[in-house]
Protein backbone atom coordinates (compact mmCIF):
# COMPACT_ATOMS: atom_id res chain seq x y z
CA UNK A 1 -13.71 198.57 99.67
CA UNK A 2 -15.15 195.10 99.12
CA UNK A 3 -18.84 195.94 98.96
CA UNK A 4 -21.30 198.90 98.86
CA UNK A 5 -25.00 199.15 99.72
CA UNK A 6 -27.59 201.95 99.63
CA UNK A 7 -30.29 202.31 102.23
CA UNK A 8 -33.89 201.84 100.93
CA UNK A 9 -34.48 205.57 101.13
CA UNK A 10 -31.24 206.29 99.31
CA UNK A 11 -29.99 208.64 102.03
CA UNK A 12 -27.23 206.41 103.46
CA UNK A 13 -24.42 204.45 101.91
CA UNK A 14 -22.72 201.46 103.67
CA UNK A 15 -19.27 200.33 102.64
CA UNK A 16 -17.58 197.08 103.63
CA UNK A 17 -13.79 197.26 103.71
CA UNK A 18 -10.58 195.39 103.98
CA UNK A 19 -9.64 197.49 107.01
CA UNK A 20 -12.07 195.43 109.16
CA UNK A 21 -14.79 198.10 109.12
CA UNK A 22 -18.20 198.88 107.72
CA UNK A 23 -18.74 202.58 107.46
CA UNK A 24 -21.99 204.56 107.01
CA UNK A 25 -22.01 207.69 104.89
CA UNK A 26 -24.42 210.46 104.19
CA UNK A 27 -25.23 210.01 100.50
CA UNK A 28 -25.72 213.71 99.87
CA UNK A 29 -22.80 215.28 101.81
CA UNK A 30 -20.35 212.36 101.85
CA UNK A 31 -20.00 212.81 105.66
CA UNK A 32 -19.08 209.72 107.64
CA UNK A 33 -21.89 208.85 110.03
CA UNK A 34 -20.64 205.75 111.86
CA UNK A 35 -18.07 203.00 111.93
CA UNK A 36 -18.89 199.33 112.64
CA UNK A 37 -16.06 196.96 113.45
CA UNK A 38 -15.14 193.35 112.80
CA UNK A 39 -11.99 191.42 113.69
CA UNK A 40 -11.05 190.82 110.04
CA UNK A 41 -11.91 192.22 106.63
CA UNK A 42 -15.63 192.81 105.86
CA UNK A 43 -16.71 191.12 102.62
CA UNK A 44 -20.44 191.96 102.38
CA UNK A 45 -23.01 194.47 103.61
CA UNK A 46 -26.81 194.87 103.17
CA UNK A 47 -29.66 196.96 104.58
CA UNK A 48 -32.91 195.53 105.83
CA UNK A 49 -36.03 196.42 103.90
CA UNK A 50 -37.02 199.09 106.46
CA UNK A 51 -33.50 200.53 106.57
CA UNK A 52 -33.17 200.20 110.31
CA UNK A 53 -30.70 197.33 110.35
CA UNK A 54 -27.45 196.49 108.51
CA UNK A 55 -26.15 192.94 108.08
CA UNK A 56 -22.37 192.47 107.63
CA UNK A 57 -20.35 189.39 106.75
CA UNK A 58 -16.64 189.13 107.55
CA UNK A 59 -13.64 186.97 107.02
CA UNK A 60 -13.60 186.56 110.87
CA UNK A 61 -16.30 183.93 110.30
CA UNK A 62 -19.15 186.07 111.68
CA UNK A 63 -22.24 187.71 110.31
CA UNK A 64 -23.54 190.56 112.43
CA UNK A 65 -26.62 192.72 112.67
CA UNK A 66 -26.19 196.48 113.52
CA UNK A 67 -28.81 199.06 114.28
CA UNK A 68 -28.51 202.07 111.96
CA UNK A 69 -30.54 204.91 113.49
CA UNK A 70 -29.12 206.75 116.50
CA UNK A 71 -32.48 206.58 118.29
CA UNK A 72 -32.58 202.83 117.86
CA UNK A 73 -29.04 202.47 119.25
CA UNK A 74 -30.01 204.60 122.30
CA UNK A 75 -33.17 202.53 122.86
CA UNK A 76 -31.20 199.26 122.72
CA UNK A 77 -28.49 200.61 125.04
CA UNK A 78 -31.11 201.72 127.57
CA UNK A 79 -32.76 198.36 127.40
CA UNK A 80 -29.47 196.61 128.13
CA UNK A 81 -28.12 199.00 130.79
CA UNK A 82 -31.36 199.88 132.62
CA UNK A 83 -29.80 203.16 133.76
CA UNK A 84 -28.59 206.50 132.53
CA UNK A 85 -24.93 207.48 132.18
CA UNK A 86 -22.99 208.03 135.40
CA UNK A 87 -21.44 211.48 135.97
CA UNK A 88 -18.03 210.01 135.14
CA UNK A 89 -19.32 208.37 131.92
CA UNK A 90 -20.99 211.58 130.81
CA UNK A 91 -17.73 213.53 131.14
CA UNK A 92 -15.71 210.82 129.46
CA UNK A 93 -17.96 209.99 126.51
CA UNK A 94 -19.87 213.23 125.92
CA UNK A 95 -16.91 215.50 126.63
CA UNK A 96 -19.25 217.91 128.31
CA UNK A 97 -19.75 219.46 131.79
CA UNK A 98 -22.13 218.02 134.30
CA UNK A 99 -24.20 221.23 134.25
CA UNK A 100 -25.21 220.06 130.74
CA UNK A 101 -25.97 216.47 131.74
CA UNK A 102 -28.79 214.80 129.83
CA UNK A 103 -30.82 211.69 130.41
CA UNK A 104 -29.79 209.54 127.45
CA UNK A 105 -32.63 207.22 128.52
CA UNK A 106 -35.71 209.44 128.96
CA UNK A 107 -37.75 206.86 130.80
CA UNK A 108 -35.02 206.27 133.42
CA UNK A 109 -34.10 208.47 136.34
CA UNK A 110 -31.04 210.71 136.62
CA UNK A 111 -28.11 208.61 137.75
CA UNK A 112 -27.39 209.09 141.49
CA UNK A 113 -23.73 209.80 140.81
CA UNK A 114 -24.78 213.22 139.47
CA UNK A 115 -25.98 214.26 142.93
CA UNK A 116 -22.96 212.65 144.56
CA UNK A 117 -20.60 214.61 142.33
CA UNK A 118 -22.35 217.82 143.05
CA UNK A 119 -22.00 217.06 146.76
CA UNK A 120 -18.29 216.36 146.34
CA UNK A 121 -17.80 219.70 144.55
CA UNK A 122 -19.64 221.59 147.27
CA UNK A 123 -17.61 219.85 150.02
CA UNK A 124 -14.36 220.79 148.29
CA UNK A 125 -15.44 224.46 148.08
CA UNK A 126 -16.64 224.57 144.47
CA UNK A 127 -20.07 225.88 145.54
CA UNK A 128 -21.12 227.57 142.30
CA UNK A 129 -20.24 224.49 140.25
CA UNK A 130 -22.19 222.31 142.70
CA UNK A 131 -25.25 224.44 142.59
CA UNK A 132 -25.23 224.44 138.79
CA UNK A 133 -25.21 220.61 138.79
CA UNK A 134 -28.01 220.47 141.43
CA UNK A 135 -30.07 222.88 139.24
CA UNK A 136 -29.43 220.65 136.17
CA UNK A 137 -30.57 217.58 138.04
CA UNK A 138 -33.73 219.43 139.09
CA UNK A 139 -34.39 220.59 135.54
CA UNK A 140 -34.33 216.98 134.40
CA UNK A 141 -36.49 215.72 137.28
CA UNK A 142 -38.60 218.20 139.23
CA UNK A 143 -39.18 215.65 141.98
CA UNK A 144 -35.61 214.68 142.57
CA UNK A 145 -34.32 214.75 146.13
CA UNK A 146 -31.05 216.74 146.13
CA UNK A 147 -30.04 215.22 149.45
CA UNK A 148 -31.19 211.62 149.54
CA UNK A 149 -29.30 210.79 152.71
CA UNK A 150 -31.77 212.77 154.84
CA UNK A 151 -35.35 211.94 155.79
CA UNK A 152 -36.73 215.20 154.35
CA UNK A 153 -36.82 215.91 150.64
CA UNK A 154 -34.50 218.75 149.70
CA UNK A 155 -35.27 220.71 146.54
CA UNK A 156 -33.44 224.01 146.86
CA UNK A 157 -30.12 223.75 144.97
CA UNK A 158 -28.53 226.71 146.78
CA UNK A 159 -29.54 225.60 150.26
CA UNK A 160 -28.26 222.09 149.60
CA UNK A 161 -25.02 223.32 148.00
CA UNK A 162 -24.29 225.61 150.92
CA UNK A 163 -25.14 222.89 153.41
CA UNK A 164 -22.56 220.51 151.91
CA UNK A 165 -19.99 223.29 151.61
CA UNK A 166 -20.22 224.47 155.22
CA UNK A 167 -18.31 221.54 157.01
CA UNK A 168 -15.50 221.97 154.49
CA UNK A 169 -15.11 225.60 155.53
CA UNK A 170 -14.72 224.48 159.13
CA UNK A 171 -12.07 221.92 158.18
CA UNK A 172 -10.23 224.53 156.18
CA UNK A 173 -10.46 226.86 159.16
CA UNK A 174 -8.91 224.32 161.45
CA UNK A 175 -5.96 223.88 159.06
CA UNK A 176 -5.38 227.62 158.97
CA UNK A 177 -5.57 227.82 162.78
CA UNK A 178 -2.79 225.22 163.09
CA UNK A 179 -0.77 227.35 160.74
CA UNK A 180 -1.22 230.37 162.95
CA UNK A 181 -3.57 232.20 160.54
CA UNK A 182 -6.13 232.86 163.20
CA UNK A 183 -8.10 235.71 161.62
CA UNK A 184 -8.54 233.77 158.40
CA UNK A 185 -9.57 230.68 160.40
CA UNK A 186 -12.22 232.73 162.31
CA UNK A 187 -13.52 234.08 159.01
CA UNK A 188 -14.01 230.55 157.65
CA UNK A 189 -15.86 229.43 160.77
CA UNK A 190 -18.12 232.46 160.32
CA UNK A 191 -18.64 231.65 156.61
CA UNK A 192 -19.57 228.12 157.42
CA UNK A 193 -22.31 229.27 159.79
CA UNK A 194 -23.60 231.77 157.23
CA UNK A 195 -23.75 229.02 154.58
CA UNK A 196 -25.69 226.72 156.84
CA UNK A 197 -27.52 228.34 159.77
CA UNK A 198 -28.28 224.86 161.16
CA UNK A 199 -24.64 223.71 161.07
CA UNK A 200 -23.56 222.16 164.39
CA UNK A 201 -19.84 222.80 164.83
CA UNK A 202 -18.43 220.18 167.17
CA UNK A 203 -16.81 221.01 170.51
CA UNK A 204 -13.45 219.71 169.38
CA UNK A 205 -13.56 221.99 166.32
CA UNK A 206 -14.20 225.05 168.52
CA UNK A 207 -11.51 223.74 170.83
CA UNK A 208 -8.95 223.68 168.01
CA UNK A 209 -9.60 227.30 167.27
CA UNK A 210 -9.40 228.14 170.94
CA UNK A 211 -6.08 226.29 171.48
CA UNK A 212 -4.21 227.56 168.44
CA UNK A 213 -5.52 231.09 168.87
CA UNK A 214 -4.05 231.17 172.35
CA UNK A 215 -0.80 229.66 171.20
CA UNK A 216 -0.50 232.46 168.65
CA UNK A 217 -1.13 235.30 171.10
CA UNK A 218 -4.70 235.88 169.96
CA UNK A 219 -6.53 234.53 172.97
CA UNK A 220 -8.89 237.49 173.12
CA UNK A 221 -9.95 236.91 169.52
CA UNK A 222 -10.78 233.21 170.09
CA UNK A 223 -12.27 233.41 173.58
CA UNK A 224 -15.77 233.01 172.01
CA UNK A 225 -14.63 229.71 170.55
CA UNK A 226 -13.35 228.56 173.94
CA UNK A 227 -16.64 229.31 175.56
CA UNK A 228 -18.62 227.51 172.80
CA UNK A 229 -16.33 224.48 173.13
CA UNK A 230 -16.84 224.27 176.90
CA UNK A 231 -20.57 224.73 176.59
CA UNK A 232 -20.77 221.76 174.21
CA UNK A 233 -18.39 219.57 176.16
CA UNK A 234 -18.21 220.83 179.82
CA UNK A 235 -16.29 217.87 181.16
CA UNK A 236 -13.61 217.68 178.45
CA UNK A 237 -10.29 218.26 180.21
CA UNK A 238 -8.36 219.36 177.12
CA UNK A 239 -11.04 221.90 176.18
CA UNK A 240 -11.13 223.24 179.76
CA UNK A 241 -7.38 223.52 179.84
CA UNK A 242 -7.35 225.44 176.51
CA UNK A 243 -9.96 227.87 177.81
CA UNK A 244 -7.99 228.19 181.03
CA UNK A 245 -4.84 229.15 179.09
CA UNK A 246 -6.85 231.65 177.03
CA UNK A 247 -8.30 233.23 180.17
CA UNK A 248 -4.88 233.52 181.72
CA UNK A 249 -3.53 235.23 178.60
CA UNK A 250 -6.35 237.73 178.73
CA UNK A 251 -5.79 238.48 182.43
CA UNK A 252 -8.54 236.34 183.93
CA UNK A 253 -6.21 234.49 186.29
CA UNK A 254 -8.94 233.32 188.74
CA UNK A 255 -11.07 231.74 185.99
CA UNK A 256 -7.97 230.24 184.49
CA UNK A 257 -6.70 228.62 187.67
CA UNK A 258 -10.08 227.10 188.41
CA UNK A 259 -10.13 225.26 185.09
CA UNK A 260 -6.51 224.12 185.37
CA UNK A 261 -7.17 222.65 188.84
CA UNK A 262 -10.21 220.86 187.40
CA UNK A 263 -8.05 219.30 184.68
CA UNK A 264 -5.40 218.16 187.24
CA UNK A 265 -8.01 216.55 189.49
CA UNK A 266 -9.51 214.73 186.46
CA UNK A 267 -6.08 213.39 185.54
CA UNK A 268 -5.40 211.91 188.98
């Protein structure tokens, strides 16, 4: 240690050391409070008269001013950044979950990445985690829009979380249908619609369930999907063909042949 200084109130000690650091210590407990770095050994250290700033002088040919109080450091950081921590920064530097996210800069809005991360979690099926993050964002800002990509302002965490989760359930259902797990696929389609009553499942998505259900000898179970697909896209030859196959497998040969002939004419 090359130099020592006491703060004006006597509560903090600053040490300047050969190890390229100036360290702050609690004078009563001896606990280290902070470490300030130089590129070479630190030869001198002094507090300002109000105790808010420390001056250090180093063999690296620099003299530096450092804010002492945590609140002053936060204020300066907010002034320079003009934003709060991103979701990724919060997890990295605070080592805490996003459901405990805080605005380090009280006067600045919640970072948009918090809402984006909640959306990503909902889309990947982590609905409870997503809703928790949406709720946290709302606790920090009562007026926050939980779905800024829409014209209407969304403020219900559960509704928004379920809305983002629903399309993921359909995608998961399609994958299961291709694997021949038809009953599980149907269950996921149903779950998606329960999560979001306004969800519009595309004709091709219904068509996938129709096609693979028929290929796995469960045409009767997926006939509803075939009909929904045709209703949404009545002139789609592939969808009409899939429904035709499903009808044939369930004994409706007349309805099946009509749709197959339609597809053949369209391909000519």
